């Protein structure tokens, strides 16, 4: 920023005839001169020509003129400085750095040259050299306390905390800089885990301004880090007394209520914080996502999150992160249609978030929306042509609709892309196994699933399909352990029921199916189909048909469900 400021000042000073570098004529100009005024005018005109080209955006032309100028007048610092600026714009950082150093060398009293060099070193991540440059600026220009501040900030970035603290303490002693320095010192202590010193620093700030809600909030954070809850709560109350809309105080009280499992109080404080326009969206999202990850809270009354989501949707109607969080909430609640709708809304505002597209593809398949899955897969592939997952989803969607030819075409298209990626190769083999199964090629399907599990033993899809296929072939799959699956996996429960179904325990199977029906979990078309298979295997044809019909309502294009209903309802 300093360099740009210097550029503006320098351009106008040159154009209007003020040229400080020329005041040192004994240093800058050849000794043998007959007419200093004419030479000064000539130099000024040459420099103005170069700067005019730069102002007009002709940086390459400006650089050529400045190179010629610095060769002809090597001791004029202004020429080197302007050459450094133009070189920086053109991305010639090595040349820019060399020219900036020459400018400082020939005119060490010009603070703008020093500042430009420091900023350029930072830009090039040459932190050690930048630190030395700022140190020189602090010593050479002691009246400019902002350089001391910049030096301390750089040292914090370099994790040189001891040096940064010393410089911040020097800054604290400067008139008008005490509070700014103390705030930085407080942040440094908190970052280093020196919470007692942080509290003492916050207390100093409160002595300077006892009516500051911000400083009470800082003191509260230090107390909380020390584990002193009464101290933290007292400072929060003081902060809210001074500023009833203090956002961090509202948020902190919500966190305290959550920690003590006083969920109603936490929701009240979060509601106030979420309506507070001075609280950033980042902080609101962090609080919301924290609630979603709080299992104890989600077991309490998860629906109390909906009003908070509504506040955010009203305040940020086009923010993808809000709708993404809403989708996450509905996913946890096993409300797949609502989750799909929320994620679809999110990607209308931010198409670059691939995890959201992955969820959409999954949910389209789970809810039986196979044509939508194909359309979305094409969209994702257009956005990210190297992605394989959308192609696998597309192949599976064609397969579920009974279009074996198109499914095979898509699988063939992406086979090369999964060769060197075991997890993706495992998924590809799983889809191919389903393709074999639906064409009654059971042994080949099982062989592919064995290959898939060798590549990725965590492939849950392959494990559940293997269990289903083994049971379909009349073999028990004793090693199928539903405890290894998420508690909210109704498909795993349905497959387990199917594996042990039979006429001899029809009543037990019917009871298990009823448990699933009343579990509150989302039952997609594939799960309903497997549940129907279990009932059919137990001799309960009428009950099986009803489940097949429910599945077909969700996925009217399901080839498998259509085929089974035709067989059972000729």
Protein backbone atom coordinates (compact mmCIF):
# COMPACT_ATOMS: atom_id res chain seq x y z
CA UNK A 1 0.00 0.00 0.00
CA UNK A 2 2.87 2.33 0.80
CA UNK A 3 4.34 1.77 -2.66
CA UNK A 4 1.12 2.71 -4.39
CA UNK A 5 0.84 5.79 -2.22
CA UNK A 6 4.37 6.74 -3.14
CA UNK A 7 3.60 6.18 -6.80
CA UNK A 8 0.69 8.59 -6.67
CA UNK A 9 2.65 11.29 -4.84
CA UNK A 10 5.69 10.88 -7.07
CA UNK A 11 3.77 11.02 -10.34
CA UNK A 12 2.08 14.28 -9.49
CA UNK A 13 5.21 15.77 -7.98
CA UNK A 14 7.17 15.05 -11.16
CA UNK A 15 4.43 16.23 -13.49
CA UNK A 16 4.11 19.49 -11.58
CA UNK A 17 7.81 20.15 -11.51
CA UNK A 18 8.85 19.08 -8.01
CA UNK A 19 11.69 16.58 -8.17
CA UNK A 20 13.40 16.11 -4.79
CA UNK A 21 16.13 13.84 -6.10
CA UNK A 22 17.52 16.67 -8.20
CA UNK A 23 18.06 18.85 -5.16
CA UNK A 24 21.19 16.79 -4.46
CA UNK A 25 22.84 17.90 -7.67
CA UNK A 26 26.34 17.19 -6.43
CA UNK A 27 25.40 13.54 -5.97
CA UNK A 28 23.10 12.97 -8.92
CA UNK A 29 24.45 14.84 -11.90
CA UNK A 30 27.73 14.73 -13.83
CA UNK A 31 30.32 17.09 -12.43
CA UNK A 32 31.02 18.82 -15.73
CA UNK A 33 27.88 20.82 -16.37
CA UNK A 34 27.55 24.11 -18.13
CA UNK A 35 23.85 24.62 -17.58
CA UNK A 36 22.28 22.86 -14.62
CA UNK A 37 18.83 24.22 -15.39
CA UNK A 38 18.78 22.78 -18.92
CA UNK A 39 20.00 19.37 -17.73
CA UNK A 40 17.45 19.36 -14.90
CA UNK A 41 14.67 20.10 -17.39
CA UNK A 42 15.94 17.35 -19.71
CA UNK A 43 16.01 14.79 -16.87
CA UNK A 44 12.57 15.83 -15.70
CA UNK A 45 11.13 15.53 -19.21
CA UNK A 46 12.60 12.05 -19.70
CA UNK A 47 11.19 10.84 -16.43
CA UNK A 48 7.78 12.39 -17.16
CA UNK A 49 7.73 10.61 -20.54
CA UNK A 50 8.36 7.26 -18.85
CA UNK A 51 5.74 7.88 -16.16
CA UNK A 52 3.18 9.00 -18.74
CA UNK A 53 3.53 5.66 -20.52
CA UNK A 54 2.97 3.90 -17.19
CA UNK A 55 -0.11 6.00 -16.35
CA UNK A 56 -1.57 5.10 -19.75
CA UNK A 57 -1.01 1.41 -19.04
CA UNK A 58 1.94 0.93 -21.43
CA UNK A 59 4.15 -0.65 -18.80
CA UNK A 60 6.58 -2.39 -21.16
CA UNK A 61 7.23 0.90 -23.00
CA UNK A 62 7.59 2.70 -19.67
CA UNK A 63 10.10 0.12 -18.49
CA UNK A 64 12.23 0.55 -21.64
CA UNK A 65 12.37 4.31 -21.03
CA UNK A 66 13.16 3.83 -17.34
CA UNK A 67 15.93 1.33 -18.08
CA UNK A 68 17.47 3.90 -20.42
CA UNK A 69 16.98 6.62 -17.78
CA UNK A 70 18.68 4.64 -14.97
CA UNK A 71 21.60 3.78 -17.23
CA UNK A 72 22.07 7.41 -18.14
CA UNK A 73 21.49 8.75 -14.61
CA UNK A 74 22.38 5.85 -12.29
CA UNK A 75 22.57 7.98 -9.14
CA UNK A 76 19.01 9.35 -9.32
CA UNK A 77 16.98 7.31 -6.85
CA UNK A 78 13.62 8.29 -8.31
CA UNK A 79 14.41 6.51 -11.59
CA UNK A 80 15.23 3.25 -9.81
CA UNK A 81 12.07 3.52 -7.72
CA UNK A 82 9.82 4.02 -10.75
CA UNK A 83 11.57 1.16 -12.55
CA UNK A 84 10.93 -1.06 -9.52
CA UNK A 85 7.22 -0.20 -9.59
CA UNK A 86 6.82 -0.90 -13.28
CA UNK A 87 8.81 -4.15 -13.02
CA UNK A 88 6.54 -5.25 -10.19
CA UNK A 89 3.44 -4.61 -12.28
CA UNK A 90 4.95 -6.69 -15.10
CA UNK A 91 5.72 -9.54 -12.69
CA UNK A 92 9.50 -9.08 -12.97
CA UNK A 93 10.04 -9.40 -9.23
CA UNK A 94 13.78 -10.04 -9.28
CA UNK A 95 14.34 -6.86 -11.31
CA UNK A 96 11.87 -4.95 -9.12
CA UNK A 97 13.71 -6.00 -5.98
CA UNK A 98 17.09 -4.98 -7.38
CA UNK A 99 15.77 -1.57 -8.45
CA UNK A 100 14.02 -0.98 -5.12
CA UNK A 101 17.26 -1.68 -3.26
CA UNK A 102 19.11 0.79 -5.49
CA UNK A 103 16.47 3.46 -4.81
CA UNK A 104 16.94 3.02 -1.05
CA UNK A 105 20.72 3.04 -1.48
CA UNK A 106 20.79 6.33 -3.41
CA UNK A 107 18.20 8.07 -1.24
CA UNK A 108 18.04 6.42 2.21
CA UNK A 109 16.08 9.35 3.64
CA UNK A 110 12.98 8.63 1.52
CA UNK A 111 10.51 6.64 3.62
CA UNK A 112 8.40 5.69 0.60
CA UNK A 113 11.33 3.86 -0.98
CA UNK A 114 11.92 1.93 2.25
CA UNK A 115 8.24 1.11 2.55
CA UNK A 116 8.00 -0.13 -1.02
CA UNK A 117 11.05 -2.35 -0.52
CA UNK A 118 9.58 -3.83 2.69
CA UNK A 119 6.24 -4.57 1.02
CA UNK A 120 7.97 -6.15 -1.96
CA UNK A 121 9.98 -8.41 0.33
CA UNK A 122 6.77 -9.46 2.09
CA UNK A 123 5.11 -10.15 -1.24
CA UNK A 124 8.03 -12.41 -2.17
CA UNK A 125 7.79 -14.12 1.27
CA UNK A 126 11.35 -13.06 2.06
CA UNK A 127 10.40 -12.58 5.70
CA UNK A 128 13.88 -12.48 7.21
CA UNK A 129 14.96 -9.70 4.81
CA UNK A 130 11.63 -7.91 5.35
CA UNK A 131 12.16 -8.01 9.13
CA UNK A 132 15.60 -6.44 8.72
CA UNK A 133 14.12 -3.77 6.44
CA UNK A 134 11.36 -2.90 8.92
CA UNK A 135 13.94 -2.79 11.72
CA UNK A 136 15.95 -0.26 9.70
CA UNK A 137 12.81 1.78 9.07
CA UNK A 138 11.99 1.82 12.80
CA UNK A 139 15.47 3.11 13.58
CA UNK A 140 15.63 5.60 10.70
CA UNK A 141 12.09 6.97 11.06
CA UNK A 142 11.28 6.71 14.81
CA UNK A 143 8.42 9.20 14.48
CA UNK A 144 6.52 6.72 12.28
CA UNK A 145 5.24 4.29 14.91
CA UNK A 146 3.28 2.38 12.27
CA UNK A 147 6.58 0.79 11.19
CA UNK A 148 7.07 -0.56 14.71
CA UNK A 149 3.55 -1.96 14.50
CA UNK A 150 4.29 -3.55 11.10
CA UNK A 151 7.49 -5.06 12.45
CA UNK A 152 5.66 -6.64 15.39
CA UNK A 153 2.94 -8.04 13.09
CA UNK A 154 5.61 -9.57 10.85
CA UNK A 155 7.39 -11.12 13.80
CA UNK A 156 4.12 -12.67 14.96
CA UNK A 157 3.71 -14.14 11.50
CA UNK A 158 7.25 -15.50 11.78
CA UNK A 159 6.41 -16.98 15.24
CA UNK A 160 9.07 -14.75 16.82
CA UNK A 161 6.80 -14.02 19.75
CA UNK A 162 9.42 -12.74 22.19
CA UNK A 163 10.69 -10.12 19.72
CA UNK A 164 7.13 -9.17 18.75
CA UNK A 165 6.18 -8.68 22.39
CA UNK A 166 9.18 -6.42 23.02
CA UNK A 167 8.26 -4.24 20.06
CA UNK A 168 4.60 -4.10 21.09
CA UNK A 169 5.69 -2.99 24.56
CA UNK A 170 7.72 -0.23 22.92
CA UNK A 171 4.63 0.70 20.93
CA UNK A 172 2.59 0.80 24.13
CA UNK A 173 4.87 3.57 25.44
CA UNK A 174 4.21 5.76 22.39
CA UNK A 175 1.64 8.54 22.83
CA UNK A 176 -1.73 7.57 21.34
CA UNK A 177 -0.67 3.96 20.72
CA UNK A 178 -1.20 2.44 24.16
CA UNK A 179 -4.59 0.79 23.61
CA UNK A 180 -3.77 -0.47 20.11
CA UNK A 181 -0.55 -2.02 21.42
CA UNK A 182 -2.29 -3.59 24.43
CA UNK A 183 -4.93 -5.16 22.19
CA UNK A 184 -2.16 -6.75 20.11
CA UNK A 185 -0.29 -7.85 23.22
CA UNK A 186 -3.48 -9.46 24.52
CA UNK A 187 -3.93 -11.33 21.24
CA UNK A 188 -0.32 -12.49 21.38
CA UNK A 189 -0.70 -13.82 24.93
CA UNK A 190 -3.92 -15.65 24.01
CA UNK A 191 -2.24 -17.16 20.97
CA UNK A 192 0.64 -18.42 23.10
CA UNK A 193 -1.66 -19.80 25.80
CA UNK A 194 -0.42 -17.29 28.38
CA UNK A 195 -3.91 -16.64 29.69
CA UNK A 196 -2.95 -15.00 33.00
CA UNK A 197 -0.89 -12.38 31.16
CA UNK A 198 -3.74 -11.99 28.69
CA UNK A 199 -6.17 -11.28 31.53
CA UNK A 200 -3.78 -8.76 33.09
CA UNK A 201 -3.50 -7.02 29.71
CA UNK A 202 -7.29 -6.90 29.36
CA UNK A 203 -7.46 -5.49 32.89
CA UNK A 204 -5.03 -2.72 31.86
CA UNK A 205 -7.33 -1.87 28.96
CA UNK A 206 -10.31 -1.74 31.34
CA UNK A 207 -8.39 0.67 33.58
CA UNK A 208 -7.93 2.92 30.55
CA UNK A 209 -11.58 2.57 29.51
CA UNK A 210 -13.82 0.79 32.05
CA UNK A 211 -16.88 1.46 29.89
CA UNK A 212 -15.65 -0.70 26.99
CA UNK A 213 -17.83 -3.75 26.36
CA UNK A 214 -15.12 -5.04 24.01
CA UNK A 215 -12.48 -5.08 26.74
CA UNK A 216 -14.86 -6.87 29.12
CA UNK A 217 -15.37 -9.47 26.38
CA UNK A 218 -11.62 -9.91 26.05
CA UNK A 219 -11.27 -10.32 29.82
CA UNK A 220 -14.09 -12.90 29.74
CA UNK A 221 -12.32 -14.92 27.03
CA UNK A 222 -9.14 -14.99 29.12
CA UNK A 223 -11.08 -16.06 32.23
CA UNK A 224 -12.82 -18.78 30.26
CA UNK A 225 -9.47 -20.06 28.97
CA UNK A 226 -8.26 -20.14 32.60
CA UNK A 227 -11.30 -22.18 33.58
CA UNK A 228 -12.61 -19.39 35.82
CA UNK A 229 -16.31 -19.46 34.88
CA UNK A 230 -17.57 -16.94 37.51
CA UNK A 231 -15.00 -14.40 36.31
CA UNK A 232 -15.90 -15.02 32.67
CA UNK A 233 -19.64 -14.70 33.30
CA UNK A 234 -19.22 -11.53 35.32
CA UNK A 235 -17.29 -9.82 32.52
CA UNK A 236 -19.91 -10.99 30.02
CA UNK A 237 -22.68 -9.46 32.13
CA UNK A 238 -20.72 -6.22 32.31
CA UNK A 239 -20.24 -6.28 28.53
CA UNK A 240 -23.98 -6.72 27.95
CA UNK A 241 -24.78 -4.02 30.53
CA UNK A 242 -22.63 -1.60 28.55
CA UNK A 243 -23.76 -2.88 25.15
CA UNK A 244 -26.93 -4.98 25.07
CA UNK A 245 -26.15 -5.98 21.46
CA UNK A 246 -22.57 -7.08 22.10
CA UNK A 247 -22.40 -10.05 19.69
CA UNK A 248 -19.46 -11.94 21.19
CA UNK A 249 -21.01 -11.70 24.66
CA UNK A 250 -24.29 -13.14 23.37
CA UNK A 251 -22.44 -15.94 21.62
CA UNK A 252 -20.26 -16.68 24.66
CA UNK A 253 -23.31 -16.95 26.93
CA UNK A 254 -24.84 -19.37 24.45
CA UNK A 255 -21.68 -21.49 24.57
CA UNK A 256 -21.71 -21.48 28.37
CA UNK A 257 -25.32 -22.64 28.35
CA UNK A 258 -24.42 -25.44 25.93
CA UNK A 259 -21.54 -26.56 28.13
CA UNK A 260 -23.88 -26.77 31.12
CA UNK A 261 -26.49 -28.53 28.91
CA UNK A 262 -29.01 -25.74 29.46
CA UNK A 263 -30.21 -26.06 25.87
CA UNK A 264 -33.29 -23.78 26.07
CA UNK A 265 -31.10 -20.93 27.38
CA UNK A 266 -28.49 -21.65 24.70
CA UNK A 267 -31.12 -21.41 21.95
CA UNK A 268 -32.41 -18.10 23.36
CA UNK A 269 -28.93 -16.56 23.35
CA UNK A 270 -28.16 -17.96 19.91
CA UNK A 271 -31.40 -16.48 18.59
CA UNK A 272 -30.32 -13.05 19.85
CA UNK A 273 -26.82 -13.49 18.43
CA UNK A 274 -28.13 -14.65 15.04
CA UNK A 275 -30.40 -11.59 14.79
CA UNK A 276 -27.49 -9.35 15.70
CA UNK A 277 -26.32 -7.64 12.48
CA UNK A 278 -22.87 -6.91 13.95
CA UNK A 279 -22.05 -10.62 14.34
CA UNK A 280 -20.33 -11.96 11.24
CA UNK A 281 -21.78 -14.77 9.16
CA UNK A 282 -18.63 -16.81 9.79
CA UNK A 283 -19.24 -16.71 13.55
CA UNK A 284 -22.91 -17.58 13.12
CA UNK A 285 -22.09 -20.51 10.85
CA UNK A 286 -19.46 -21.77 13.30
CA UNK A 287 -22.04 -21.75 16.09
CA UNK A 288 -24.66 -23.47 13.93
CA UNK A 289 -22.30 -26.20 12.73
CA UNK A 290 -21.16 -26.69 16.33
CA UNK A 291 -24.76 -27.46 17.29
CA UNK A 292 -25.10 -29.91 14.42
CA UNK A 293 -22.03 -31.76 15.69
CA UNK A 294 -23.23 -31.72 19.32
CA UNK A 295 -24.72 -35.19 19.66
CA UNK A 296 -26.23 -34.49 23.09
CA UNK A 297 -28.05 -31.46 21.73
CA UNK A 298 -29.23 -33.31 18.62
CA UNK A 299 -30.72 -36.00 20.86
CA UNK A 300 -32.58 -33.30 22.84
CA UNK A 301 -34.77 -31.23 20.54
CA UNK A 302 -33.07 -30.90 17.15
CA UNK A 303 -36.12 -29.13 15.70
CA UNK A 304 -35.16 -26.07 17.75
CA UNK A 305 -32.46 -25.49 15.15
CA UNK A 306 -35.04 -24.71 12.47
CA UNK A 307 -35.82 -21.17 13.76
CA UNK A 308 -32.08 -20.41 13.76
CA UNK A 309 -31.80 -21.63 10.18
CA UNK A 310 -34.79 -19.51 9.23
CA UNK A 311 -33.14 -16.40 10.70
CA UNK A 312 -30.03 -17.03 8.60
CA UNK A 313 -32.05 -17.69 5.44
CA UNK A 314 -33.91 -14.39 5.90
CA UNK A 315 -30.71 -12.48 6.61
CA UNK A 316 -28.58 -14.18 3.93
CA UNK A 317 -31.07 -15.35 1.27
CA UNK A 318 -28.36 -16.04 -1.31
CA UNK A 319 -25.66 -17.58 0.90
CA UNK A 320 -24.81 -21.15 -0.12
CA UNK A 321 -23.34 -22.04 3.28
CA UNK A 322 -26.68 -21.45 5.00
CA UNK A 323 -28.54 -23.85 2.69
CA UNK A 324 -25.68 -26.32 2.94
CA UNK A 325 -26.06 -26.33 6.74
CA UNK A 326 -29.80 -26.80 6.32
CA UNK A 327 -29.09 -29.80 4.10
CA UNK A 328 -26.74 -31.21 6.74
CA UNK A 329 -29.47 -30.79 9.36
CA UNK A 330 -32.04 -32.67 7.29
CA UNK A 331 -29.49 -35.38 6.48
CA UNK A 332 -29.05 -35.99 10.21
CA UNK A 333 -32.81 -36.07 10.59
CA UNK A 334 -33.11 -38.68 7.80
CA UNK A 335 -35.31 -36.30 5.81
CA UNK A 336 -33.69 -36.96 2.46
CA UNK A 337 -36.19 -35.07 0.25
CA UNK A 338 -35.79 -31.91 2.35
CA UNK A 339 -32.00 -32.34 2.41
CA UNK A 340 -31.93 -32.68 -1.36
CA UNK A 341 -33.99 -29.51 -1.76
CA UNK A 342 -31.62 -27.58 0.54
CA UNK A 343 -28.48 -28.75 -1.25
CA UNK A 344 -30.05 -27.93 -4.63
CA UNK A 345 -30.67 -24.41 -3.36
CA UNK A 346 -27.08 -24.16 -2.14
CA UNK A 347 -25.53 -25.00 -5.52
CA UNK A 348 -27.65 -22.38 -7.26
CA UNK A 349 -25.58 -19.81 -5.35
CA UNK A 350 -22.23 -21.61 -5.39
CA UNK A 351 -21.62 -24.17 -8.10
CA UNK A 352 -17.99 -24.71 -7.12
CA UNK A 353 -18.64 -26.75 -3.97
CA UNK A 354 -18.07 -30.34 -5.09
CA UNK A 355 -19.04 -31.93 -1.72
CA UNK A 356 -22.54 -30.49 -2.18
CA UNK A 357 -22.81 -32.00 -5.64
CA UNK A 358 -21.71 -35.34 -4.19
CA UNK A 359 -24.54 -35.16 -1.66
CA UNK A 360 -27.03 -34.23 -4.38
CA UNK A 361 -26.00 -37.20 -6.53
CA UNK A 362 -26.28 -39.54 -3.55
CA UNK A 363 -29.70 -38.20 -2.57
CA UNK A 364 -31.07 -38.37 -6.10
CA UNK A 365 -30.21 -42.07 -6.14
CA UNK A 366 -31.54 -42.67 -2.63
CA UNK A 367 -34.85 -40.98 -3.42
CA UNK A 368 -35.27 -42.71 -6.78
CA UNK A 369 -34.83 -39.60 -8.91
CA UNK A 370 -32.72 -41.34 -11.52
CA UNK A 371 -33.24 -38.89 -14.45
CA UNK A 372 -32.29 -36.00 -12.14
CA UNK A 373 -29.21 -37.93 -11.03
CA UNK A 374 -28.14 -38.26 -14.68
CA UNK A 375 -28.72 -34.56 -15.35
CA UNK A 376 -26.79 -33.50 -12.25
CA UNK A 377 -24.00 -35.94 -13.06
CA UNK A 378 -23.62 -34.26 -16.46
CA UNK A 379 -23.53 -30.83 -14.77
CA UNK A 380 -20.85 -31.90 -12.29
CA UNK A 381 -18.79 -33.51 -15.03
CA UNK A 382 -18.98 -30.27 -17.03
CA UNK A 383 -17.78 -28.29 -14.01
CA UNK A 384 -15.05 -30.81 -13.20
CA UNK A 385 -14.13 -32.96 -16.24
CA UNK A 386 -11.62 -35.02 -14.26
CA UNK A 387 -14.21 -36.17 -11.71
CA UNK A 388 -15.12 -39.86 -11.92
CA UNK A 389 -17.83 -39.98 -9.23
CA UNK A 390 -20.52 -38.32 -11.37
CA UNK A 391 -19.89 -40.88 -14.13
CA UNK A 392 -20.29 -43.75 -11.66
CA UNK A 393 -23.56 -42.22 -10.46
CA UNK A 394 -24.72 -41.83 -14.05
CA UNK A 395 -23.89 -45.46 -14.84
CA UNK A 396 -25.79 -46.58 -11.73
CA UNK A 397 -28.82 -44.44 -12.60
CA UNK A 398 -29.04 -45.92 -16.11
CA UNK A 399 -28.67 -49.36 -14.53
CA UNK A 400 -31.50 -48.81 -12.05
CA UNK A 401 -33.72 -47.73 -14.95
CA UNK A 402 -32.85 -50.93 -16.85
CA UNK A 403 -30.82 -49.28 -19.61
CA UNK A 404 -27.94 -51.77 -19.48
CA UNK A 405 -26.40 -50.61 -22.74
CA UNK A 406 -25.99 -46.97 -21.73
CA UNK A 407 -24.83 -48.00 -18.26
CA UNK A 408 -22.12 -50.19 -19.77
CA UNK A 409 -21.07 -47.38 -22.13
CA UNK A 410 -20.54 -44.99 -19.21
CA UNK A 411 -18.64 -47.61 -17.21
CA UNK A 412 -16.38 -48.30 -20.19
CA UNK A 413 -15.79 -44.57 -20.66
CA UNK A 414 -14.49 -44.05 -17.13
CA UNK A 415 -12.74 -47.41 -16.57
CA UNK A 416 -9.32 -46.01 -17.50
CA UNK A 417 -9.70 -43.17 -14.97
CA UNK A 418 -10.01 -45.52 -11.99
CA UNK A 419 -7.13 -47.86 -12.79
CA UNK A 420 -4.64 -46.19 -10.42
CA UNK A 421 -7.14 -45.20 -7.73
CA UNK A 422 -8.06 -48.20 -5.53
CA UNK A 423 -11.10 -46.65 -3.76
CA UNK A 424 -12.61 -45.43 -7.04
CA UNK A 425 -11.75 -48.69 -8.77
CA UNK A 426 -13.54 -50.48 -5.92
CA UNK A 427 -16.66 -48.37 -6.47
CA UNK A 428 -16.48 -48.97 -10.22
CA UNK A 429 -16.38 -52.74 -9.60
CA UNK A 430 -19.37 -52.43 -7.24
CA UNK A 431 -21.48 -50.76 -9.94
CA UNK A 432 -20.33 -53.35 -12.46
CA UNK A 433 -21.32 -56.11 -10.00
CA UNK A 434 -24.83 -54.68 -9.73
CA UNK A 435 -24.93 -54.59 -13.54
CA UNK A 436 -24.07 -58.32 -13.59
CA UNK A 437 -26.59 -59.14 -10.87
CA UNK A 438 -29.50 -57.45 -12.65
CA UNK A 439 -28.73 -59.61 -15.70
CA UNK A 440 -28.76 -62.79 -13.57
CA UNK A 441 -24.96 -63.25 -13.77
CA UNK A 442 -24.60 -63.92 -10.07
CA UNK A 443 -21.19 -65.71 -9.93
CA UNK A 444 -19.54 -62.94 -11.96
CA UNK A 445 -21.14 -60.31 -9.75
CA UNK A 446 -19.79 -61.97 -6.59
CA UNK A 447 -16.33 -62.21 -8.11
CA UNK A 448 -16.35 -58.47 -8.87
CA UNK A 449 -17.45 -57.68 -5.31
CA UNK A 450 -14.58 -59.77 -3.92
CA UNK A 451 -12.19 -57.73 -6.07
CA UNK A 452 -13.81 -54.49 -4.88
CA UNK A 453 -13.36 -55.43 -1.20
CA UNK A 454 -9.73 -56.41 -1.77
CA UNK A 455 -9.10 -52.92 -3.12
CA UNK A 456 -11.08 -51.12 -0.40
CA UNK A 457 -12.31 -53.07 2.60
CA UNK A 458 -14.15 -49.94 3.78
CA UNK A 459 -16.42 -50.03 0.71
CA UNK A 460 -19.74 -50.40 2.50
CA UNK A 461 -21.67 -50.58 -0.72
CA UNK A 462 -19.67 -53.60 -1.83
CA UNK A 463 -20.14 -55.30 1.53
CA UNK A 464 -23.90 -54.83 1.58
CA UNK A 465 -24.23 -55.98 -2.02
CA UNK A 466 -22.11 -59.05 -1.31
CA UNK A 467 -24.33 -59.92 1.64
CA UNK A 468 -27.44 -59.50 -0.47
CA UNK A 469 -26.07 -61.58 -3.35
CA UNK A 470 -24.83 -64.39 -1.15
CA UNK A 471 -28.21 -64.59 0.49
CA UNK A 472 -29.90 -64.46 -2.91
CA UNK A 473 -27.82 -67.48 -3.93
CA UNK A 474 -29.01 -69.43 -0.89
CA UNK A 475 -25.89 -68.87 1.23
CA UNK A 476 -25.86 -67.27 4.65
CA UNK A 477 -23.52 -64.39 5.06
CA UNK A 478 -22.59 -64.91 8.71
CA UNK A 479 -19.87 -62.27 8.67
CA UNK A 480 -22.25 -59.47 7.77
CA UNK A 481 -22.11 -57.28 10.85
CA UNK A 482 -24.58 -54.40 10.96
CA UNK A 483 -22.78 -53.02 14.02
CA UNK A 484 -20.06 -51.83 11.63
CA UNK A 485 -22.65 -49.69 9.84
CA UNK A 486 -24.07 -46.35 10.94
CA UNK A 487 -27.10 -46.73 13.18
CA UNK A 488 -29.07 -44.84 10.54
CA UNK A 489 -28.43 -47.37 7.76
CA UNK A 490 -31.84 -48.95 7.09
CA UNK A 491 -30.46 -50.69 3.99
CA UNK A 492 -27.97 -52.64 6.12
CA UNK A 493 -30.81 -53.60 8.50
CA UNK A 494 -32.99 -54.65 5.57
CA UNK A 495 -30.23 -56.82 4.08
CA UNK A 496 -29.61 -58.46 7.45
CA UNK A 497 -33.33 -59.24 7.71
CA UNK A 498 -33.33 -60.58 4.15
CA UNK A 499 -30.34 -62.84 4.85
CA UNK A 500 -32.09 -64.64 7.68
CA UNK A 501 -35.60 -64.63 6.19
CA UNK A 502 -37.51 -67.81 5.47
CA UNK A 503 -40.93 -69.41 5.91
CA UNK A 504 -39.84 -70.92 9.23
CA UNK A 505 -39.51 -67.49 10.88
CA UNK A 506 -42.00 -65.41 8.90
CA UNK A 507 -43.47 -63.84 12.04
CA UNK A 508 -40.06 -62.67 13.24
CA UNK A 509 -39.23 -61.26 9.79
CA UNK A 510 -42.56 -59.42 9.68
CA UNK A 511 -41.81 -57.90 13.11
CA UNK A 512 -38.35 -56.76 11.93
CA UNK A 513 -39.88 -55.15 8.84
CA UNK A 514 -42.44 -53.37 10.99
CA UNK A 515 -39.64 -52.05 13.21
CA UNK A 516 -37.96 -50.59 10.18
CA UNK A 517 -41.24 -49.10 8.98
CA UNK A 518 -41.71 -47.30 12.29
CA UNK A 519 -38.06 -46.40 12.90
CA UNK A 520 -38.41 -42.86 11.59
CA UNK A 521 -35.50 -43.51 9.21
CA UNK A 522 -35.80 -42.69 5.54
CA UNK A 523 -36.63 -45.81 3.52
CA UNK A 524 -35.54 -45.36 -0.08
CA UNK A 525 -36.69 -47.46 -3.02
CA UNK A 526 -33.75 -49.87 -2.79
CA UNK A 527 -34.33 -50.42 0.95
CA UNK A 528 -38.05 -50.99 0.37
CA UNK A 529 -37.20 -53.46 -2.37
CA UNK A 530 -34.89 -55.47 -0.09
CA UNK A 531 -37.52 -55.38 2.68
CA UNK A 532 -40.04 -56.71 0.16
CA UNK A 533 -37.56 -59.42 -0.85
CA UNK A 534 -37.30 -60.50 2.80
CA UNK A 535 -41.07 -60.77 3.08
CA UNK A 536 -41.34 -62.64 -0.20
CA UNK A 537 -38.60 -65.04 0.88
CA UNK A 538 -40.66 -65.68 4.04
CA UNK A 539 -43.79 -66.46 2.03
CA UNK A 540 -45.52 -63.14 2.73
CA UNK A 541 -46.35 -62.23 -0.86
CA UNK A 542 -49.11 -59.66 -0.26
CA UNK A 543 -46.97 -57.73 2.23
CA UNK A 544 -44.01 -57.86 -0.19
CA UNK A 545 -46.09 -56.45 -3.03
CA UNK A 546 -47.17 -53.51 -0.87
CA UNK A 547 -43.54 -52.63 -0.18
CA UNK A 548 -42.63 -52.98 -3.86
CA UNK A 549 -45.47 -50.59 -4.71
CA UNK A 550 -44.23 -48.09 -2.11
CA UNK A 551 -40.79 -48.27 -3.65
CA UNK A 552 -42.17 -47.77 -7.14
CA UNK A 553 -44.01 -44.63 -6.00
CA UNK A 554 -40.63 -43.17 -5.03
CA UNK A 555 -38.80 -44.49 -8.11
CA UNK A 556 -41.36 -44.99 -10.89
CA UNK A 557 -38.58 -45.80 -13.39
CA UNK A 558 -37.02 -48.57 -11.29
CA UNK A 559 -36.46 -51.53 -13.61
CA UNK A 560 -36.06 -53.99 -10.75
CA UNK A 561 -39.25 -52.97 -8.94
CA UNK A 562 -41.27 -52.97 -12.15
CA UNK A 563 -39.98 -56.46 -12.97
CA UNK A 564 -40.81 -57.86 -9.52
CA UNK A 565 -44.30 -56.39 -9.51
CA UNK A 566 -44.99 -57.91 -12.93
CA UNK A 567 -43.88 -61.28 -11.59
CA UNK A 568 -46.01 -61.05 -8.45
CA UNK A 569 -49.03 -59.38 -10.07
CA UNK A 570 -49.37 -61.04 -13.47
